[in-house]
Protein backbone atom coordinates (compact mmCIF):
# COMPACT_ATOMS: atom_id res chain seq x y z
CA MET A 1 139.72 53.69 74.56
CA SER A 2 137.34 52.36 72.38
CA VAL A 3 133.63 53.79 72.74
CA GLU A 4 132.36 50.15 73.25
CA ARG A 5 134.35 50.23 76.53
CA ALA A 6 134.41 53.65 77.68
CA PRO A 7 132.60 54.08 81.31
CA LEU A 8 129.02 55.00 80.81
CA ALA A 9 127.89 58.11 82.91
CA PHE A 10 124.22 58.37 84.06
CA ILE A 11 123.83 62.18 84.85
CA TYR A 12 121.70 62.94 87.64
CA ASP A 13 120.45 66.37 89.15
CA ARG A 14 117.50 67.54 91.07
CA CYS A 15 115.74 70.92 91.41
CA ALA A 16 112.76 71.91 93.77
CA THR A 17 112.56 75.57 92.12
CA ARG A 18 110.61 76.61 89.22
CA SER A 19 113.66 78.27 87.63
CA HIS A 20 115.76 75.80 85.65
CA GLN A 21 118.41 78.36 84.82
CA TYR A 22 120.99 76.64 87.50
CA LEU A 23 119.77 73.18 86.66
CA ASP A 24 120.78 73.96 83.33
CA MET A 25 124.35 75.37 83.80
CA ARG A 26 124.94 71.98 85.91
CA LEU A 27 124.13 69.69 83.22
CA ALA A 28 125.82 71.48 80.63
CA GLY A 29 128.91 70.89 83.01
CA CYS A 30 128.05 67.45 83.86
CA HIS A 31 127.99 67.05 79.63
CA VAL A 32 131.20 68.77 79.41
CA TYR A 33 133.15 66.77 82.20
CA ALA A 34 131.58 63.36 80.80
CA ALA A 35 133.23 64.28 77.02
CA ARG A 36 136.33 65.41 78.75
CA HIS A 37 136.78 61.94 80.44
CA GLY A 38 135.63 59.84 77.47
CA TRP A 39 132.70 58.93 79.08
CA VAL A 40 129.76 57.65 77.14
CA LEU A 41 126.47 59.37 78.35
CA ARG A 42 123.85 57.23 79.04
CA GLY A 43 120.97 59.80 79.89
CA ARG A 44 120.42 62.18 82.51
CA TRP A 45 117.81 61.47 84.95
CA LEU A 46 116.25 64.71 87.01
CA ASP A 47 113.94 64.83 90.13
CA LEU A 48 112.18 68.10 90.29
CA GLY A 49 109.50 69.88 92.71
CA ASP A 50 108.51 68.15 95.70
CA ALA A 51 110.65 64.92 94.29
CA ALA A 52 113.99 66.84 94.79
CA LEU A 53 113.75 67.83 98.38
CA GLY A 54 112.68 64.26 100.33
CA GLN A 55 113.85 60.78 100.72
CA ASP A 56 111.90 59.28 97.72
CA ARG A 57 113.30 59.98 94.44
CA PRO A 58 111.50 58.03 91.41
CA GLN A 59 114.21 59.48 89.09
CA LEU A 60 116.98 58.47 90.89
CA ASP A 61 115.15 55.42 91.23
CA SER A 62 115.27 54.66 87.75
CA LEU A 63 118.80 55.60 87.29
CA LEU A 64 119.67 52.89 89.39
CA GLU A 65 117.87 50.46 87.74
CA ALA A 66 119.41 51.61 84.27
CA MET A 67 122.96 51.49 85.78
CA ARG A 68 121.99 47.65 87.31
CA ALA A 69 121.63 46.87 83.69
CA GLU A 70 124.59 47.76 82.58
CA ALA A 71 126.91 47.37 85.63
CA GLY A 72 127.94 43.69 84.75
CA ARG A 73 129.15 44.81 81.48
CA ARG A 74 130.70 48.28 81.98
CA GLU A 75 132.09 50.90 84.69
CA VAL A 76 128.91 52.84 85.39
CA ILE A 77 128.92 56.48 86.97
CA CYS A 78 126.38 58.59 88.55
CA LEU A 79 127.63 61.84 87.49
CA VAL A 80 126.31 64.76 89.59
CA HIS A 81 127.81 68.36 89.64
CA ASN A 82 128.36 68.11 93.24
CA TRP A 83 127.81 66.32 96.38
CA GLY A 84 124.63 68.54 96.97
CA ARG A 85 122.87 67.33 94.04
CA LEU A 86 122.16 63.90 95.99
CA ALA A 87 121.86 65.51 99.03
CA HIS A 88 122.91 68.12 101.15
CA ALA A 89 122.56 66.22 104.75
CA VAL A 90 125.76 63.96 104.79
CA GLU A 91 123.74 61.25 106.11
CA HIS A 92 121.00 61.12 103.19
CA ARG A 93 124.04 61.83 100.49
CA ILE A 94 125.72 58.62 102.14
CA ALA A 95 122.68 56.65 101.98
CA LEU A 96 122.54 57.64 98.27
CA GLN A 97 125.86 56.74 97.77
CA GLN A 98 125.49 53.20 99.13
CA ARG A 99 122.40 52.69 96.90
CA ILE A 100 124.41 53.75 93.71
CA ALA A 101 127.39 51.34 94.93
CA ARG A 102 124.83 48.37 95.68
CA ALA A 103 123.92 48.98 91.58
CA GLY A 104 126.86 48.36 91.24
CA GLY A 105 128.44 51.86 90.09
CA TYR A 106 129.81 54.71 91.77
CA SER A 107 129.54 58.43 91.91
CA ALA A 108 131.54 61.24 91.17
CA THR A 109 131.19 65.08 90.98
CA THR A 110 132.77 67.81 88.18
CA PHE A 111 135.11 68.84 90.48
CA ASP A 112 136.93 65.72 90.35
CA GLU A 113 135.46 64.17 93.44
CA SER A 114 134.51 60.30 93.69
CA ASP A 115 133.55 57.62 95.86
CA GLN A 116 134.89 54.84 93.58
CA ARG A 117 137.63 53.75 96.20
CA ALA A 118 135.17 53.72 98.65
CA ARG A 119 132.40 51.21 97.09
CA GLU A 120 133.58 48.27 99.22
CA ALA A 121 133.05 50.57 102.42
CA LEU A 122 129.74 51.75 101.16
CA THR A 123 128.35 48.35 99.94
CA GLY A 124 129.81 46.40 102.84
CA ALA A 125 131.28 43.83 100.78
CA ARG A 126 134.59 42.38 102.06
CA HIS A 127 137.02 40.55 99.68
CA ALA A 128 138.11 37.22 100.84
């Protein structure tokens, strides 16, 4: 696949602690995973401190805007190390996955998990 047609990976993570040792390892894992799949990295967005804990995620909002801008032209993926990087509570995670789907993309983890096939259910769209 040519670079011009390769999916775009938008890496997201959150970290509430001052130590970024685990964050750095997760980010490195995302970079390796994207490269192994031939995805082009569009950037990474990190919500830190209090922004990592609540429902208001300024960096995720910024990532979604960047995804929307590219979604019509290429496949766009929000890449996280694991589902907990979006949210630990299932309801909150699903709400964030819905936002990603509505931005024209899907979510994937470095553990080969993806909600790509669930996009229709996440967005509420139906095919005619």
